[in-house]
N, C-alpha and C. Protein backbone atom coordinates (compact mmCIF):
# COMPACT_ATOMS: atom_id res chain seq x y z
N UNK A 1 44.30 138.54 -97.47
CA UNK A 1 44.62 139.68 -96.64
C UNK A 1 44.37 139.36 -95.20
N UNK A 2 45.10 140.03 -94.31
CA UNK A 2 45.04 139.68 -92.93
C UNK A 2 43.77 140.34 -92.30
N UNK A 3 43.29 139.91 -91.18
CA UNK A 3 42.24 140.50 -90.51
C UNK A 3 42.80 141.60 -89.58
N UNK A 4 42.53 142.82 -89.88
CA UNK A 4 43.15 143.98 -89.19
C UNK A 4 42.05 144.69 -88.34
N UNK A 5 40.96 143.98 -88.04
CA UNK A 5 39.84 144.59 -87.27
C UNK A 5 40.23 144.92 -85.86
N UNK A 6 41.25 144.25 -85.40
CA UNK A 6 41.62 144.46 -83.97
C UNK A 6 43.00 145.25 -83.84
N UNK A 7 43.23 146.01 -84.87
CA UNK A 7 44.49 146.66 -84.89
C UNK A 7 44.74 147.68 -83.67
N UNK A 8 43.62 148.28 -83.27
CA UNK A 8 43.65 149.13 -82.08
C UNK A 8 44.07 148.44 -80.85
N UNK A 9 43.49 147.24 -80.70
CA UNK A 9 43.92 146.44 -79.59
C UNK A 9 45.42 146.00 -79.57
N UNK A 10 45.80 145.76 -80.80
CA UNK A 10 47.19 145.39 -80.96
C UNK A 10 48.12 146.53 -80.54
N UNK A 11 47.75 147.71 -80.86
CA UNK A 11 48.62 148.91 -80.70
C UNK A 11 48.45 149.30 -79.12
N UNK A 12 47.27 149.09 -78.62
CA UNK A 12 47.21 149.37 -77.19
C UNK A 12 47.95 148.45 -76.28
N UNK A 13 48.02 147.15 -76.64
CA UNK A 13 48.79 146.12 -75.83
C UNK A 13 50.27 146.46 -76.03
N UNK A 14 50.80 146.83 -77.35
CA UNK A 14 52.14 147.14 -77.57
C UNK A 14 52.58 148.32 -76.72
N UNK A 15 51.67 149.30 -76.61
CA UNK A 15 52.01 150.59 -75.90
C UNK A 15 52.17 150.37 -74.45
N UNK A 16 51.48 149.39 -73.93
CA UNK A 16 51.54 149.16 -72.53
C UNK A 16 52.94 148.51 -72.13
N UNK A 17 53.54 147.88 -73.12
CA UNK A 17 54.86 147.24 -72.80
C UNK A 17 55.99 148.23 -72.75
N UNK A 18 55.80 149.48 -73.22
CA UNK A 18 56.84 150.46 -73.21
C UNK A 18 56.99 151.04 -71.80
N UNK A 19 58.23 151.17 -71.36
CA UNK A 19 58.55 151.73 -70.08
C UNK A 19 58.34 153.21 -69.93
N UNK A 20 58.52 154.02 -70.99
CA UNK A 20 58.26 155.36 -70.98
C UNK A 20 57.63 155.83 -72.31
N UNK A 21 57.08 157.01 -72.41
CA UNK A 21 56.48 157.41 -73.65
C UNK A 21 57.55 157.55 -74.74
N UNK A 22 57.22 157.17 -75.84
CA UNK A 22 58.14 157.30 -77.05
C UNK A 22 58.17 158.70 -77.51
N UNK A 23 59.33 159.40 -77.60
CA UNK A 23 59.46 160.64 -78.09
C UNK A 23 60.69 160.60 -79.11
N UNK A 24 60.82 161.70 -79.81
CA UNK A 24 61.89 161.78 -80.74
C UNK A 24 62.65 163.06 -80.49
N UNK A 25 63.92 163.18 -81.01
CA UNK A 25 64.83 164.25 -80.60
C UNK A 25 64.23 165.70 -80.83
N UNK A 26 63.51 165.95 -81.82
CA UNK A 26 62.94 167.24 -82.14
C UNK A 26 61.58 167.43 -81.72
N UNK A 27 61.06 166.67 -80.75
CA UNK A 27 59.70 166.79 -80.32
C UNK A 27 59.31 168.22 -79.75
N UNK A 28 60.12 168.72 -78.91
CA UNK A 28 59.87 170.02 -78.41
C UNK A 28 59.77 171.17 -79.39
N UNK A 29 60.72 171.10 -80.41
CA UNK A 29 60.63 172.11 -81.51
C UNK A 29 59.44 171.96 -82.40
N UNK A 30 58.97 170.76 -82.72
CA UNK A 30 57.87 170.51 -83.48
C UNK A 30 56.64 171.06 -82.70
N UNK A 31 56.55 170.66 -81.50
CA UNK A 31 55.40 171.00 -80.66
C UNK A 31 55.21 172.56 -80.51
N UNK A 32 56.40 173.26 -80.34
CA UNK A 32 56.37 174.77 -80.24
C UNK A 32 55.91 175.32 -81.64
N UNK A 33 56.27 174.71 -82.75
CA UNK A 33 55.88 175.26 -84.06
C UNK A 33 54.41 175.11 -84.09
N UNK A 34 53.86 173.98 -83.77
CA UNK A 34 52.33 173.75 -83.85
C UNK A 34 51.78 174.74 -82.88
N UNK A 35 52.15 174.97 -81.73
CA UNK A 35 51.55 175.96 -80.79
C UNK A 35 51.49 177.41 -81.46
N UNK A 36 52.60 177.76 -82.21
CA UNK A 36 52.67 179.07 -82.72
C UNK A 36 51.71 179.25 -83.79
N UNK A 37 51.54 178.18 -84.59
CA UNK A 37 50.61 178.20 -85.75
C UNK A 37 49.14 178.20 -85.16
N UNK A 38 48.85 177.57 -84.15
CA UNK A 38 47.56 177.70 -83.59
C UNK A 38 47.22 178.96 -82.99
N UNK A 39 48.22 179.65 -82.34
CA UNK A 39 47.99 180.94 -81.84
C UNK A 39 47.76 182.00 -82.95
N UNK A 40 48.43 181.93 -84.09
CA UNK A 40 48.26 182.77 -85.28
C UNK A 40 46.89 182.55 -85.88
N UNK A 41 46.40 181.25 -85.93
CA UNK A 41 45.12 181.02 -86.43
C UNK A 41 44.04 181.62 -85.60
N UNK A 42 44.19 181.58 -84.26
CA UNK A 42 43.17 182.15 -83.40
C UNK A 42 43.22 183.71 -83.60
N UNK A 43 44.32 184.34 -83.81
CA UNK A 43 44.44 185.81 -83.99
C UNK A 43 43.71 186.19 -85.29
N UNK A 44 43.89 185.43 -86.28
CA UNK A 44 43.25 185.66 -87.51
C UNK A 44 41.70 185.60 -87.39
N UNK A 45 41.26 184.60 -86.66
CA UNK A 45 39.78 184.42 -86.41
C UNK A 45 39.27 185.64 -85.61
N UNK A 46 39.96 186.13 -84.75
CA UNK A 46 39.58 187.28 -83.91
C UNK A 46 39.40 188.56 -84.85
N UNK A 47 40.48 188.73 -85.66
CA UNK A 47 40.50 189.84 -86.67
C UNK A 47 39.24 189.78 -87.58
N UNK A 48 39.02 188.55 -88.03
CA UNK A 48 37.91 188.39 -88.95
C UNK A 48 36.54 188.64 -88.29
N UNK A 49 36.29 188.17 -87.02
CA UNK A 49 35.17 188.46 -86.30
C UNK A 49 34.98 189.86 -85.99
N UNK A 50 35.97 190.63 -85.60
CA UNK A 50 35.93 192.07 -85.32
C UNK A 50 35.62 192.82 -86.57
N UNK A 51 36.21 192.44 -87.70
CA UNK A 51 36.01 193.04 -88.95
C UNK A 51 34.59 192.92 -89.42
N UNK A 52 34.01 191.72 -89.25
CA UNK A 52 32.63 191.43 -89.63
C UNK A 52 31.82 192.30 -88.73
N UNK A 53 31.94 192.34 -87.55
CA UNK A 53 31.12 193.22 -86.58
C UNK A 53 31.21 194.61 -87.00
N UNK A 54 32.39 195.16 -87.33
CA UNK A 54 32.43 196.64 -87.75
C UNK A 54 31.64 196.86 -89.01
N UNK A 55 31.79 195.88 -90.03
CA UNK A 55 31.10 196.11 -91.19
C UNK A 55 29.52 196.04 -90.96
N UNK A 56 29.08 195.19 -90.13
CA UNK A 56 27.70 195.05 -89.76
C UNK A 56 27.15 196.40 -89.09
N UNK A 57 28.02 196.97 -88.23
CA UNK A 57 27.60 198.24 -87.55
C UNK A 57 27.52 199.41 -88.54
N UNK A 58 28.44 199.38 -89.61
CA UNK A 58 28.41 200.40 -90.58
C UNK A 58 27.19 200.46 -91.44
N UNK A 59 26.64 199.12 -91.71
CA UNK A 59 25.56 198.99 -92.59
C UNK A 59 24.33 199.49 -91.79
N UNK A 60 24.26 199.35 -90.45
CA UNK A 60 23.07 199.78 -89.78
C UNK A 60 23.00 201.14 -89.53
């Protein structure tokens, strides 16, 4: 088996030889989907936190 301990160094050197960052045709679509999912996740977290606070206030 080969010695892959310096694989990060190999990738770093290879990336320096590129003239521009590598992208693919659907990059913007994929990134916008990721952003939408993160926004929804943050909204759910806010709802959970406010629900927890309301339940705590009702107990007191």
